[in-house]
Each structure stands twice: as C-alpha cells, then as structure tokens.
C-alpha cells in the first residue's frame, strides 16, 4: 500500500533532524537583527518619512528579511531537500518502494513550507528580543503590539508560498546544486525594482517584499508603493503556485525513475 502524503511528510521531517538547517536559520536571523539593535538610534532620524522609531525598527529589519534572508533560506532549503537523498542514492531507493513520486514531491514541499514557518517564528522571536535589547541600550521602547507584528510575519510567510513553489521547481529541474542556488539567488535581486510596477504580481520573489513595503506605506506618512488589490494578486499567485508544483512533481526524481 502506498504511503499517504502525511506519512511521507513525517518521514521526510525526521530526516532533517541532523541536517543542521534550523541552526543555520537561527544564525541567519541573529545576523540580520544584530545590526538593527546596534544602530537603533538611526530610527530617531526618520522624521522626514513620518514614521515612529519603533515602527521603523520593525520595517527596516523585515525589509532585509523579506527581500533577501527569507528567499535565500528558501533557495538553500529547496536544494538541501532535493540533494539530501540524491548524494547517497536514497531517492532511488525511496522510489523503488510503493511510493507515488507525486506524493513524495508534495510531502517534501510541505516540509519546505514547515521549515519556512520555523524561520518565520524565529524571525518573530528575534525581532522581539532585538526590540527589547535596543530599548535597554537606548532607553526607548521599540516594542510594538505583538499581535500586529505576528500578523505581519504570517502575511510574509503566506506571500512566500508561490515563491517557494517556484524555487522547488528550480531545485527539481536543475540537478547541479551550484547552478540551482545561483539562479535562485540571482532571481531575488529584481524584487526591489518591481514592487512599484504592475509586473510585481507575476514575480513571486517580490511578493514578501511587497507585503513589507505595503506595511511601510501604512505606518509612514511620506512613503508609498503602488497599491495592488487582492483580486489582482490572488489569480496570478494561485496560477503560478499550481503550475510550478505540477511541473515540479512531473520532474521530481525523473533520473532515478529511468
């Protein structure tokens, strides 16, 4: 009997226990927020933008997170998930069992989403710890309502699902890890340039950064980005996600199945 997706998810999740990926996430979030804490006094000089210091502390940190750290961790994670078994022939052995390649691909993608959820929670904890530390150093309360910030990081995670699907397709299609990582990292760069254009809705790597920029618009009096209604965003996002996942499932393990 073929194992269902949930059973495969649990198997794949257990395989990651010794991978060290969560330790990498932890170090990455620390590296991101330490400069924000050490330079928190710069948030007091944003009067021309019309934003409160605590709001600017949050936005500046999450701009770096949404533009680079989140996508970069996704790229590394997708390559890790596909290469973890290719190196020792584990994927070939898995596919020799009564396991549907489509289900296995879907289970690994769910693991990827779970990993990004862990990264999201780590970033939230790092922001809270960083805001508390900056407050002690500079004698100003950089904390914001926890519920508001948690909603923001959840929206960033949700906006990252189409991007995750595209990077998962890339990892499934490109067998050479260096090329897969390189292409993925290069695709991150245009996000900053596209958030003020209508093309943004067709470029998944820009979705998380747009969410943060849109939040910046709400908090700052003199900053704005071109508004995108949910009705404009959801159809292309859903189409891109479904197409990328379908293609990834078709390509996953194609060499091992021959």
Protein backbone atom coordinates (compact mmCIF):
# COMPACT_ATOMS: atom_id res chain seq x y z
CA UNK A 1 0.00 0.00 0.00
CA UNK A 2 1.35 3.41 -0.96
CA UNK A 3 2.12 5.75 1.93
CA UNK A 4 -0.05 8.86 2.10
CA UNK A 5 1.30 12.42 1.98
CA UNK A 6 1.09 12.92 5.76
CA UNK A 7 3.07 9.74 6.41
CA UNK A 8 5.71 10.79 3.89
CA UNK A 9 5.82 14.25 5.48
CA UNK A 10 6.67 12.76 8.88
CA UNK A 11 9.37 10.56 7.33
CA UNK A 12 10.92 13.48 5.47
CA UNK A 13 10.77 15.73 8.53
CA UNK A 14 12.65 13.16 10.63
CA UNK A 15 15.40 13.05 8.02
CA UNK A 16 16.15 16.72 8.66
CA UNK A 17 16.97 16.29 12.35
CA UNK A 18 20.70 16.00 11.65
CA UNK A 19 20.84 18.41 8.73
CA UNK A 20 21.57 21.49 10.85
CA UNK A 21 19.19 23.64 8.81
CA UNK A 22 17.46 25.07 11.88
CA UNK A 23 20.84 26.11 13.31
CA UNK A 24 21.55 27.92 10.04
CA UNK A 25 18.18 29.68 10.31
CA UNK A 26 18.95 30.72 13.88
CA UNK A 27 22.33 32.19 12.97
CA UNK A 28 20.86 33.96 9.94
CA UNK A 29 18.15 35.67 11.98
CA UNK A 30 20.70 36.75 14.59
CA UNK A 31 22.96 38.21 11.91
CA UNK A 32 20.00 40.08 10.45
CA UNK A 33 18.82 41.71 13.67
CA UNK A 34 22.13 42.44 15.45
CA UNK A 35 22.92 45.47 13.21
CA UNK A 36 19.36 46.73 13.75
CA UNK A 37 19.92 46.64 17.50
CA UNK A 38 23.36 48.24 17.39
CA UNK A 39 22.16 51.03 15.07
CA UNK A 40 18.72 51.50 16.59
CA UNK A 41 19.46 55.19 17.23
CA UNK A 42 19.12 55.79 13.48
CA UNK A 43 15.39 55.21 13.87
CA UNK A 44 15.15 58.56 15.67
CA UNK A 45 16.17 60.42 12.50
CA UNK A 46 13.25 59.40 10.28
CA UNK A 47 11.09 62.50 10.78
CA UNK A 48 11.15 63.25 7.04
CA UNK A 49 9.45 59.91 6.38
CA UNK A 50 6.92 60.44 9.15
CA UNK A 51 7.29 57.11 10.96
CA UNK A 52 7.69 56.26 14.64
CA UNK A 53 11.08 54.83 15.74
CA UNK A 54 9.57 51.51 16.84
CA UNK A 55 7.75 51.14 13.52
CA UNK A 56 10.88 51.95 11.55
CA UNK A 57 12.90 49.47 13.62
CA UNK A 58 10.44 46.76 12.62
CA UNK A 59 10.16 47.72 8.95
CA UNK A 60 13.87 48.11 8.28
CA UNK A 61 14.62 44.72 9.82
CA UNK A 62 11.84 42.97 7.94
CA UNK A 63 12.75 44.62 4.65
CA UNK A 64 16.09 42.86 4.84
CA UNK A 65 14.31 39.67 5.88
CA UNK A 66 11.67 39.73 3.13
CA UNK A 67 13.98 40.88 0.35
CA UNK A 68 16.98 38.61 0.97
CA UNK A 69 17.03 36.38 4.06
CA UNK A 70 13.67 34.67 3.53
CA UNK A 71 14.19 33.97 -0.20
CA UNK A 72 17.84 32.95 0.32
CA UNK A 73 16.88 30.47 3.04
CA UNK A 74 14.20 29.10 0.72
CA UNK A 75 16.75 28.58 -2.04
CA UNK A 76 19.14 26.78 0.30
CA UNK A 77 16.35 24.67 1.80
CA UNK A 78 14.97 23.55 -1.57
CA UNK A 79 18.41 22.45 -2.76
CA UNK A 80 19.04 20.73 0.59
CA UNK A 81 15.78 18.77 0.36
CA UNK A 82 16.49 17.55 -3.17
CA UNK A 83 20.19 16.85 -2.66
CA UNK A 84 19.85 15.18 0.74
CA UNK A 85 19.00 11.86 -0.88
CA UNK A 86 20.49 12.22 -4.33
CA UNK A 87 24.01 12.05 -2.92
CA UNK A 88 23.61 8.61 -1.31
CA UNK A 89 21.03 7.13 -3.66
CA UNK A 90 18.28 7.45 -1.07
CA UNK A 91 15.81 8.92 -3.54
CA UNK A 92 16.25 5.95 -5.89
CA UNK A 93 15.60 3.56 -3.01
CA UNK A 94 12.52 5.53 -1.92
CA UNK A 95 11.09 5.46 -5.43
CA UNK A 96 11.68 1.69 -5.64
CA UNK A 97 9.14 1.29 -2.83
CA UNK A 98 5.36 1.55 -3.37
CA UNK A 99 5.60 5.33 -3.06
CA UNK A 100 3.98 7.73 -5.50
CA UNK A 101 6.61 10.22 -6.80
CA UNK A 102 3.90 12.90 -6.84
CA UNK A 103 3.06 12.26 -3.19
CA UNK A 104 6.73 12.25 -2.25
CA UNK A 105 7.25 15.54 -4.07
CA UNK A 106 4.19 17.04 -2.34
CA UNK A 107 5.41 15.81 1.05
CA UNK A 108 8.81 17.38 0.55
CA UNK A 109 7.17 20.64 -0.47
CA UNK A 110 5.11 20.57 2.75
CA UNK A 111 8.37 20.04 4.66
CA UNK A 112 9.73 23.10 2.89
CA UNK A 113 6.71 25.16 3.99
CA UNK A 114 7.13 23.85 7.54
CA UNK A 115 10.78 24.89 7.51
CA UNK A 116 9.85 28.38 6.38
CA UNK A 117 7.25 28.51 9.16
CA UNK A 118 10.05 27.73 11.64
CA UNK A 119 12.14 30.51 10.08
CA UNK A 120 9.16 32.86 10.37
CA UNK A 121 8.75 32.11 14.08
CA UNK A 122 12.48 32.58 14.62
CA UNK A 123 12.37 35.97 12.91
CA UNK A 124 9.45 36.99 15.13
CA UNK A 125 11.33 35.93 18.27
CA UNK A 126 14.49 37.69 17.03
CA UNK A 127 12.55 40.92 16.43
CA UNK A 128 11.04 40.80 19.94
CA UNK A 129 14.41 40.10 21.55
CA UNK A 130 16.07 42.78 19.40
CA UNK A 131 13.44 45.39 20.26
CA UNK A 132 13.84 44.63 23.97
CA UNK A 133 17.65 44.82 23.73
CA UNK A 134 17.56 48.08 21.75
CA UNK A 135 15.18 49.51 24.34
CA UNK A 136 17.64 48.76 27.13
CA UNK A 137 20.54 50.26 25.20
CA UNK A 138 18.85 53.49 24.08
CA UNK A 139 16.22 53.94 26.78
CA UNK A 140 13.30 53.89 24.34
CA UNK A 141 10.54 51.32 23.96
CA UNK A 142 10.96 49.79 20.50
CA UNK A 143 8.28 47.16 21.11
CA UNK A 144 5.07 47.16 19.09
CA UNK A 145 1.89 45.15 19.75
CA UNK A 146 2.92 41.51 19.40
CA UNK A 147 -0.30 40.59 17.62
CA UNK A 148 0.27 43.22 14.89
CA UNK A 149 3.82 42.06 14.23
CA UNK A 150 2.81 38.39 14.29
CA UNK A 151 0.11 39.10 11.69
CA UNK A 152 2.73 40.80 9.52
CA UNK A 153 5.16 37.87 9.64
CA UNK A 154 2.30 35.47 8.88
CA UNK A 155 1.39 37.52 5.80
CA UNK A 156 5.04 37.42 4.71
CA UNK A 157 5.01 33.62 5.08
CA UNK A 158 1.78 33.27 3.09
CA UNK A 159 3.12 35.58 0.38
CA UNK A 160 6.20 33.37 0.16
CA UNK A 161 4.28 30.21 -0.83
CA UNK A 162 4.26 30.95 -4.61
CA UNK A 163 7.97 31.81 -4.40
CA UNK A 164 8.60 28.53 -2.55
CA UNK A 165 6.79 26.63 -5.31
CA UNK A 166 8.96 28.28 -7.99
CA UNK A 167 12.18 27.57 -6.10
CA UNK A 168 11.03 23.99 -5.54
CA UNK A 169 10.53 23.63 -9.29
CA UNK A 170 14.01 25.06 -9.86
CA UNK A 171 15.58 22.57 -7.46
CA UNK A 172 13.71 19.68 -9.09
CA UNK A 173 14.67 20.77 -12.61
CA UNK A 174 18.34 21.68 -12.04
CA UNK A 175 20.36 18.78 -10.68
CA UNK A 176 23.59 20.74 -10.13
CA UNK A 177 23.31 22.41 -6.68
CA UNK A 178 25.63 25.31 -7.51
CA UNK A 179 23.54 26.29 -10.54
CA UNK A 180 20.25 25.89 -8.66
CA UNK A 181 21.48 28.10 -5.80
CA UNK A 182 22.99 30.65 -8.18
CA UNK A 183 19.85 31.00 -10.30
CA UNK A 184 17.70 31.23 -7.19
CA UNK A 185 19.81 33.94 -5.56
CA UNK A 186 20.01 35.98 -8.76
CA UNK A 187 16.22 35.91 -9.06
CA UNK A 188 15.94 37.67 -5.68
CA UNK A 189 17.67 40.87 -6.82
CA UNK A 190 14.93 42.40 -9.06
CA UNK A 191 12.34 42.36 -6.24
CA UNK A 192 13.23 45.88 -5.10
CA UNK A 193 12.82 47.24 -8.61
CA UNK A 194 9.49 45.57 -9.29
CA UNK A 195 7.39 46.40 -6.21
CA UNK A 196 6.23 49.70 -7.75
CA UNK A 197 5.21 48.11 -11.04
CA UNK A 198 2.26 46.00 -12.14
CA UNK A 199 4.70 43.24 -13.08
CA UNK A 200 5.06 42.59 -9.36
CA UNK A 201 2.02 40.30 -9.35
CA UNK A 202 3.75 37.99 -11.86
CA UNK A 203 7.06 37.84 -9.98
CA UNK A 204 6.68 35.66 -6.85
CA UNK A 205 10.09 36.54 -5.44
CA UNK A 206 8.77 40.09 -4.95
CA UNK A 207 5.64 39.09 -3.01
CA UNK A 208 7.11 39.03 0.54
CA UNK A 209 8.99 42.28 -0.02
CA UNK A 210 5.83 43.93 -1.32
CA UNK A 211 3.98 42.91 1.86
CA UNK A 212 6.59 44.72 3.98
CA UNK A 213 6.65 47.75 1.67
CA UNK A 214 2.87 47.92 1.83
CA UNK A 215 3.05 47.84 5.63
CA UNK A 216 5.60 50.67 5.44
CA UNK A 217 3.04 52.67 3.47
CA UNK A 218 0.53 52.24 6.29
CA UNK A 219 2.99 53.30 9.02
CA UNK A 220 4.85 56.15 7.27
CA UNK A 221 3.22 59.40 6.20
CA UNK A 222 5.57 60.10 3.28
CA UNK A 223 6.19 56.68 1.76
CA UNK A 224 4.02 54.78 -0.68
CA UNK A 225 4.01 51.93 -3.17
CA UNK A 226 1.55 51.25 -5.96
CA UNK A 227 -1.45 49.52 -4.34
CA UNK A 228 -2.35 46.04 -5.50
CA UNK A 229 -5.83 44.75 -4.71
CA UNK A 230 -6.25 41.17 -3.54
CA UNK A 231 -8.32 40.43 -6.63
CA UNK A 232 -5.35 41.39 -8.80
CA UNK A 233 -2.89 39.38 -6.75
CA UNK A 234 -4.62 36.08 -5.99
CA UNK A 235 -5.30 34.75 -9.55
CA UNK A 236 -1.70 35.01 -10.81
CA UNK A 237 -0.32 33.86 -7.45
CA UNK A 238 -2.57 30.79 -7.44
CA UNK A 239 -1.82 30.03 -11.10
CA UNK A 240 1.94 30.34 -10.58
CA UNK A 241 1.85 28.14 -7.47
CA UNK A 242 -0.22 25.38 -9.07
CA UNK A 243 1.76 25.41 -12.31
CA UNK A 244 5.13 25.33 -10.54
CA UNK A 245 4.06 22.49 -8.23
CA UNK A 246 2.61 20.45 -11.09
CA UNK A 247 5.81 20.88 -13.10
CA UNK A 248 7.97 20.06 -10.05
CA UNK A 249 6.01 16.86 -9.41
CA UNK A 250 6.47 15.87 -13.04
CA UNK A 251 10.23 16.47 -12.94
CA UNK A 252 10.90 15.17 -9.42
CA UNK A 253 13.12 12.08 -9.47
CA UNK A 254 12.91 11.73 -13.24
CA UNK A 255 16.51 10.48 -13.48
CA UNK A 256 16.01 7.98 -10.66
CA UNK A 257 12.83 6.62 -12.25
CA UNK A 258 14.54 5.71 -15.52
